[in-house]
Amino acid sequence: MNDSTVSLPWLVIRQDDNGNRYRVGRYATRAEAQRIADSLDDRGHQQLYSVERIGHHGDAGPRA
């Protein structure tokens, strides 16, 4: 398996105080993405971090 065939369907999304959303990273498993989101949350910043799964057409689905 090479880099072009690796599936990374889980996103960590950061939402700032103004409602702007940014992709922080893509991950292979929900557990891995959740660990990253939790570690960022633990830093005490006011941003909200969430985990979402990418749909079949590349769009992020509802919050997982």
PDB file of N, CA and C in Angstrom:
ATOM      1  N   MET A   1       0.858  -1.186   0.000  1.00  0.00           N
ATOM      2  CA  MET A   1       0.000   0.000   0.000  1.00  0.00           C
ATOM      3  C   MET A   1       0.894   1.236   0.000  1.00  0.00           C
ATOM      4  N   ASN A   2       0.624   2.162  -0.894  1.00  0.00           N
ATOM      5  CA  ASN A   2       1.403   3.394  -0.915  1.00  0.00           C
ATOM      6  C   ASN A   2       0.566   4.561  -0.423  1.00  0.00           C
ATOM      7  N   ASP A   3       1.176   5.740  -0.333  1.00  0.00           N
ATOM      8  CA  ASP A   3       0.491   6.902   0.226  1.00  0.00           C
ATOM      9  C   ASP A   3      -0.794   7.268  -0.520  1.00  0.00           C
ATOM     10  N   SER A   4      -0.852   6.993  -1.811  1.00  0.00           N
ATOM     11  CA  SER A   4      -2.025   7.397  -2.584  1.00  0.00           C
ATOM     12  C   SER A   4      -3.231   6.488  -2.329  1.00  0.00           C
ATOM     13  N   THR A   5      -3.027   5.325  -1.705  1.00  0.00           N
ATOM     14  CA  THR A   5      -4.141   4.420  -1.459  1.00  0.00           C
ATOM     15  C   THR A   5      -4.554   4.379   0.004  1.00  0.00           C
ATOM     16  N   VAL A   6      -3.888   5.134   0.853  1.00  0.00           N
ATOM     17  CA  VAL A   6      -4.228   5.156   2.270  1.00  0.00           C
ATOM     18  C   VAL A   6      -5.529   5.932   2.460  1.00  0.00           C
ATOM     19  N   SER A   7      -6.449   5.351   3.220  1.00  0.00           N
ATOM     20  CA  SER A   7      -7.730   5.999   3.478  1.00  0.00           C
ATOM     21  C   SER A   7      -7.670   6.742   4.808  1.00  0.00           C
ATOM     22  N   LEU A   8      -7.968   8.029   4.783  1.00  0.00           N
ATOM     23  CA  LEU A   8      -7.984   8.872   5.976  1.00  0.00           C
ATOM     24  C   LEU A   8      -9.346   9.558   6.067  1.00  0.00           C
ATOM     25  N   PRO A   9     -10.387   8.798   6.449  1.00  0.00           N
ATOM     26  CA  PRO A   9     -11.742   9.343   6.392  1.00  0.00           C
ATOM     27  C   PRO A   9     -12.166  10.197   7.586  1.00  0.00           C
ATOM     28  N   TRP A  10     -11.341  10.282   8.634  1.00  0.00           N
ATOM     29  CA  TRP A  10     -11.730  11.014   9.840  1.00  0.00           C
ATOM     30  C   TRP A  10     -11.017  12.345   9.916  1.00  0.00           C
ATOM     31  N   LEU A  11     -11.783  13.406  10.131  1.00  0.00           N
ATOM     32  CA  LEU A  11     -11.255  14.769  10.216  1.00  0.00           C
ATOM     33  C   LEU A  11     -11.343  15.284  11.647  1.00  0.00           C
ATOM     34  N   VAL A  12     -10.362  16.102  12.019  1.00  0.00           N
ATOM     35  CA  VAL A  12     -10.482  16.923  13.218  1.00  0.00           C
ATOM     36  C   VAL A  12     -10.727  18.339  12.713  1.00  0.00           C
ATOM     37  N   ILE A  13     -11.803  18.951  13.187  1.00  0.00           N
ATOM     38  CA  ILE A  13     -12.220  20.283  12.765  1.00  0.00           C
ATOM     39  C   ILE A  13     -12.127  21.238  13.950  1.00  0.00           C
ATOM     40  N   ARG A  14     -11.557  22.415  13.714  1.00  0.00           N
ATOM     41  CA  ARG A  14     -11.518  23.455  14.743  1.00  0.00           C
ATOM     42  C   ARG A  14     -12.506  24.541  14.358  1.00  0.00           C
ATOM     43  N   GLN A  15     -13.335  24.947  15.303  1.00  0.00           N
ATOM     44  CA  GLN A  15     -14.257  26.060  15.082  1.00  0.00           C
ATOM     45  C   GLN A  15     -13.881  27.177  16.036  1.00  0.00           C
ATOM     46  N   ASP A  16     -13.653  28.380  15.485  1.00  0.00           N
ATOM     47  CA  ASP A  16     -13.259  29.499  16.330  1.00  0.00           C
ATOM     48  C   ASP A  16     -14.478  30.251  16.853  1.00  0.00           C
ATOM     49  N   ASP A  17     -14.219  31.308  17.609  1.00  0.00           N
ATOM     50  CA  ASP A  17     -15.292  32.083  18.242  1.00  0.00           C
ATOM     51  C   ASP A  17     -16.250  32.723  17.244  1.00  0.00           C
ATOM     52  N   ASN A  18     -15.807  32.924  16.008  1.00  0.00           N
ATOM     53  CA  ASN A  18     -16.639  33.560  14.986  1.00  0.00           C
ATOM     54  C   ASN A  18     -17.387  32.540  14.129  1.00  0.00           C
ATOM     55  N   GLY A  19     -17.257  31.254  14.458  1.00  0.00           N
ATOM     56  CA  GLY A  19     -17.946  30.221  13.699  1.00  0.00           C
ATOM     57  C   GLY A  19     -17.181  29.723  12.487  1.00  0.00           C
ATOM     58  N   ASN A  20     -15.965  30.235  12.257  1.00  0.00           N
ATOM     59  CA  ASN A  20     -15.145  29.757  11.149  1.00  0.00           C
ATOM     60  C   ASN A  20     -14.623  28.370  11.473  1.00  0.00           C
ATOM     61  N   ARG A  21     -14.654  27.482  10.460  1.00  0.00           N
ATOM     62  CA  ARG A  21     -14.229  26.099  10.655  1.00  0.00           C
ATOM     63  C   ARG A  21     -12.996  25.813   9.808  1.00  0.00           C
ATOM     64  N   TYR A  22     -12.039  25.073  10.409  1.00  0.00           N
ATOM     65  CA  TYR A  22     -10.788  24.740   9.749  1.00  0.00           C
ATOM     66  C   TYR A  22     -10.459  23.274   9.972  1.00  0.00           C
ATOM     67  N   ARG A  23      -9.984  22.627   8.937  1.00  0.00           N
ATOM     68  CA  ARG A  23      -9.557  21.235   9.076  1.00  0.00           C
ATOM     69  C   ARG A  23      -8.172  21.231   9.710  1.00  0.00           C
ATOM     70  N   VAL A  24      -8.036  20.526  10.826  1.00  0.00           N
ATOM     71  CA  VAL A  24      -6.763  20.415  11.530  1.00  0.00           C
ATOM     72  C   VAL A  24      -5.957  19.258  10.966  1.00  0.00           C
ATOM     73  N   GLY A  25      -6.619  18.144  10.662  1.00  0.00           N
ATOM     74  CA  GLY A  25      -5.925  16.981  10.125  1.00  0.00           C
ATOM     75  C   GLY A  25      -6.884  15.888   9.729  1.00  0.00           C
ATOM     76  N   ARG A  26      -6.334  14.887   9.021  1.00  0.00           N
ATOM     77  CA  ARG A  26      -7.099  13.711   8.591  1.00  0.00           C
ATOM     78  C   ARG A  26      -6.463  12.485   9.208  1.00  0.00           C
ATOM     79  N   TYR A  27      -7.296  11.516   9.611  1.00  0.00           N
ATOM     80  CA  TYR A  27      -6.803  10.357  10.340  1.00  0.00           C
ATOM     81  C   TYR A  27      -7.490   9.086   9.858  1.00  0.00           C
ATOM     82  N   ALA A  28      -6.831   7.962  10.058  1.00  0.00           N
ATOM     83  CA  ALA A  28      -7.339   6.676   9.587  1.00  0.00           C
ATOM     84  C   ALA A  28      -8.481   6.153  10.440  1.00  0.00           C
ATOM     85  N   THR A  29      -8.443   6.431  11.741  1.00  0.00           N
ATOM     86  CA  THR A  29      -9.476   5.895  12.626  1.00  0.00           C
ATOM     87  C   THR A  29     -10.124   7.015  13.429  1.00  0.00           C
ATOM     88  N   ARG A  30     -11.349   6.752  13.852  1.00  0.00           N
ATOM     89  CA  ARG A  30     -12.057   7.717  14.690  1.00  0.00           C
ATOM     90  C   ARG A  30     -11.332   7.902  16.021  1.00  0.00           C
ATOM     91  N   ALA A  31     -10.831   6.795  16.580  1.00  0.00           N
ATOM     92  CA  ALA A  31     -10.133   6.856  17.868  1.00  0.00           C
ATOM     93  C   ALA A  31      -8.904   7.763  17.788  1.00  0.00           C
ATOM     94  N   GLU A  32      -8.154   7.651  16.709  1.00  0.00           N
ATOM     95  CA  GLU A  32      -6.965   8.488  16.528  1.00  0.00           C
ATOM     96  C   GLU A  32      -7.362   9.967  16.425  1.00  0.00           C
ATOM     97  N   ALA A  33      -8.383  10.248  15.633  1.00  0.00           N
ATOM     98  CA  ALA A  33      -8.857  11.625  15.480  1.00  0.00           C
ATOM     99  C   ALA A  33      -9.375  12.171  16.803  1.00  0.00           C
ATOM    100  N   GLN A  34     -10.087  11.343  17.555  1.00  0.00           N
ATOM    101  CA  GLN A  34     -10.618  11.785  18.841  1.00  0.00           C
ATOM    102  C   GLN A  34      -9.501  12.091  19.834  1.00  0.00           C
ATOM    103  N   ARG A  35      -8.438  11.282  19.834  1.00  0.00           N
ATOM    104  CA  ARG A  35      -7.284  11.551  20.715  1.00  0.00           C
ATOM    105  C   ARG A  35      -6.672  12.919  20.404  1.00  0.00           C
ATOM    106  N   ILE A  36      -6.548  13.236  19.124  1.00  0.00           N
ATOM    107  CA  ILE A  36      -5.987  14.538  18.730  1.00  0.00           C
ATOM    108  C   ILE A  36      -6.915  15.664  19.168  1.00  0.00           C
ATOM    109  N   ALA A  37      -8.211  15.513  18.903  1.00  0.00           N
ATOM    110  CA  ALA A  37      -9.182  16.544  19.296  1.00  0.00           C
ATOM    111  C   ALA A  37      -9.169  16.746  20.810  1.00  0.00           C
ATOM    112  N   ASP A  38      -9.115  15.666  21.560  1.00  0.00           N
ATOM    113  CA  ASP A  38      -9.088  15.764  23.024  1.00  0.00           C
ATOM    114  C   ASP A  38      -7.819  16.459  23.509  1.00  0.00           C
ATOM    115  N   SER A  39      -6.682  16.134  22.895  1.00  0.00           N
ATOM    116  CA  SER A  39      -5.432  16.768  23.328  1.00  0.00           C
ATOM    117  C   SER A  39      -5.439  18.266  23.018  1.00  0.00           C
ATOM    118  N   LEU A  40      -6.054  18.650  21.921  1.00  0.00           N
ATOM    119  CA  LEU A  40      -6.157  20.082  21.599  1.00  0.00           C
ATOM    120  C   LEU A  40      -7.130  20.773  22.546  1.00  0.00           C
ATOM    121  N   ASP A  41      -8.235  20.107  22.866  1.00  0.00           N
ATOM    122  CA  ASP A  41      -9.202  20.654  23.836  1.00  0.00           C
ATOM    123  C   ASP A  41      -8.556  20.868  25.197  1.00  0.00           C
ATOM    124  N   ASP A  42      -7.684  19.949  25.591  1.00  0.00           N
ATOM    125  CA  ASP A  42      -7.040  20.017  26.906  1.00  0.00           C
ATOM    126  C   ASP A  42      -6.125  21.218  27.062  1.00  0.00           C
ATOM    127  N   ARG A  43      -5.764  21.861  25.980  1.00  0.00           N
ATOM    128  CA  ARG A  43      -4.885  23.035  26.047  1.00  0.00           C
ATOM    129  C   ARG A  43      -5.597  24.258  26.614  1.00  0.00           C
ATOM    130  N   GLY A  44      -6.928  24.209  26.680  1.00  0.00           N
ATOM    131  CA  GLY A  44      -7.686  25.276  27.322  1.00  0.00           C
ATOM    132  C   GLY A  44      -8.018  26.469  26.442  1.00  0.00           C
ATOM    133  N   HIS A  45      -7.816  26.357  25.135  1.00  0.00           N
ATOM    134  CA  HIS A  45      -8.190  27.450  24.245  1.00  0.00           C
ATOM    135  C   HIS A  45      -9.714  27.487  24.093  1.00  0.00           C
ATOM    136  N   GLN A  46     -10.231  28.587  23.589  1.00  0.00           N
ATOM    137  CA  GLN A  46     -11.678  28.733  23.458  1.00  0.00           C
ATOM    138  C   GLN A  46     -12.243  28.071  22.197  1.00  0.00           C
ATOM    139  N   GLN A  47     -11.374  27.599  21.308  1.00  0.00           N
ATOM    140  CA  GLN A  47     -11.865  26.947  20.100  1.00  0.00           C
ATOM    141  C   GLN A  47     -12.501  25.611  20.444  1.00  0.00           C
ATOM    142  N   LEU A  48     -13.446  25.214  19.597  1.00  0.00           N
ATOM    143  CA  LEU A  48     -14.123  23.935  19.730  1.00  0.00           C
ATOM    144  C   LEU A  48     -13.509  22.975  18.720  1.00  0.00           C
ATOM    145  N   TYR A  49     -13.154  21.789  19.161  1.00  0.00           N
ATOM    146  CA  TYR A  49     -12.611  20.762  18.266  1.00  0.00           C
ATOM    147  C   TYR A  49     -13.607  19.619  18.176  1.00  0.00           C
ATOM    148  N   SER A  50     -13.865  19.156  16.962  1.00  0.00           N
ATOM    149  CA  SER A  50     -14.807  18.060  16.762  1.00  0.00           C
ATOM    150  C   SER A  50     -14.227  17.067  15.764  1.00  0.00           C
ATOM    151  N   VAL A  51     -14.811  15.873  15.742  1.00  0.00           N
ATOM    152  CA  VAL A  51     -14.406  14.809  14.833  1.00  0.00           C
ATOM    153  C   VAL A  51     -15.549  14.556  13.867  1.00  0.00           C
ATOM    154  N   GLU A  52     -15.229  14.489  12.581  1.00  0.00           N
ATOM    155  CA  GLU A  52     -16.228  14.231  11.542  1.00  0.00           C
ATOM    156  C   GLU A  52     -15.678  13.207  10.569  1.00  0.00           C
ATOM    157  N   ARG A  53     -16.573  12.471   9.943  1.00  0.00           N
ATOM    158  CA  ARG A  53     -16.172  11.503   8.923  1.00  0.00           C
ATOM    159  C   ARG A  53     -16.454  12.092   7.541  1.00  0.00           C
ATOM    160  N   ILE A  54     -15.524  11.888   6.637  1.00  0.00           N
ATOM    161  CA  ILE A  54     -15.702  12.341   5.262  1.00  0.00           C
ATOM    162  C   ILE A  54     -16.677  11.392   4.574  1.00  0.00           C
ATOM    163  N   GLY A  55     -17.634  11.952   3.829  1.00  0.00           N
ATOM    164  CA  GLY A  55     -18.594  11.139   3.090  1.00  0.00           C
ATOM    165  C   GLY A  55     -17.968  10.529   1.849  1.00  0.00           C
ATOM    166  N   HIS A  56     -18.742   9.796   1.109  1.00  0.00           N
ATOM    167  CA  HIS A  56     -18.252   9.123  -0.094  1.00  0.00           C
ATOM    168  C   HIS A  56     -17.783  10.077  -1.171  1.00  0.00           C
ATOM    169  N   HIS A  57     -18.288  11.291  -1.175  1.00  0.00           N
ATOM    170  CA  HIS A  57     -17.926  12.252  -2.217  1.00  0.00           C
ATOM    171  C   HIS A  57     -16.932  13.285  -1.708  1.00  0.00           C
ATOM    172  N   GLY A  58     -16.270  13.007  -0.587  1.00  0.00           N
ATOM    173  CA  GLY A  58     -15.253  13.901  -0.081  1.00  0.00           C
ATOM    174  C   GLY A  58     -15.753  14.989   0.844  1.00  0.00           C
ATOM    175  N   ASP A  59     -17.066  15.041   1.086  1.00  0.00           N
ATOM    176  CA  ASP A  59     -17.608  16.063   1.971  1.00  0.00           C
ATOM    177  C   ASP A  59     -17.660  15.542   3.396  1.00  0.00           C
ATOM    178  N   ALA A  60     -17.506  16.450   4.335  1.00  0.00           N
ATOM    179  CA  ALA A  60     -17.570  16.059   5.751  1.00  0.00           C
ATOM    180  C   ALA A  60     -19.028  15.835   6.126  1.00  0.00           C
ATOM    181  N   GLY A  61     -19.275  14.774   6.834  1.00  0.00           N
ATOM    182  CA  GLY A  61     -20.619  14.455   7.278  1.00  0.00           C
ATOM    183  C   GLY A  61     -20.907  15.122   8.613  1.00  0.00           C
ATOM    184  N   PRO A  62     -22.020  14.799   9.202  1.00  0.00           N
ATOM    185  CA  PRO A  62     -22.361  15.382  10.497  1.00  0.00           C
ATOM    186  C   PRO A  62     -21.375  14.933  11.562  1.00  0.00           C
ATOM    187  N   ARG A  63     -21.354  15.682  12.617  1.00  0.00           N
ATOM    188  CA  ARG A  63     -20.439  15.420  13.725  1.00  0.00           C
ATOM    189  C   ARG A  63     -20.566  13.973  14.183  1.00  0.00           C
ATOM    190  N   ALA A  64     -19.423  13.312  14.321  1.00  0.00           N
ATOM    191  CA  ALA A  64     -19.430  11.889  14.724  1.00  0.00           C
ATOM    192  C   ALA A  64     -19.306  11.755  16.221  1.00  0.00           C
TER     193      ALA A  64
END
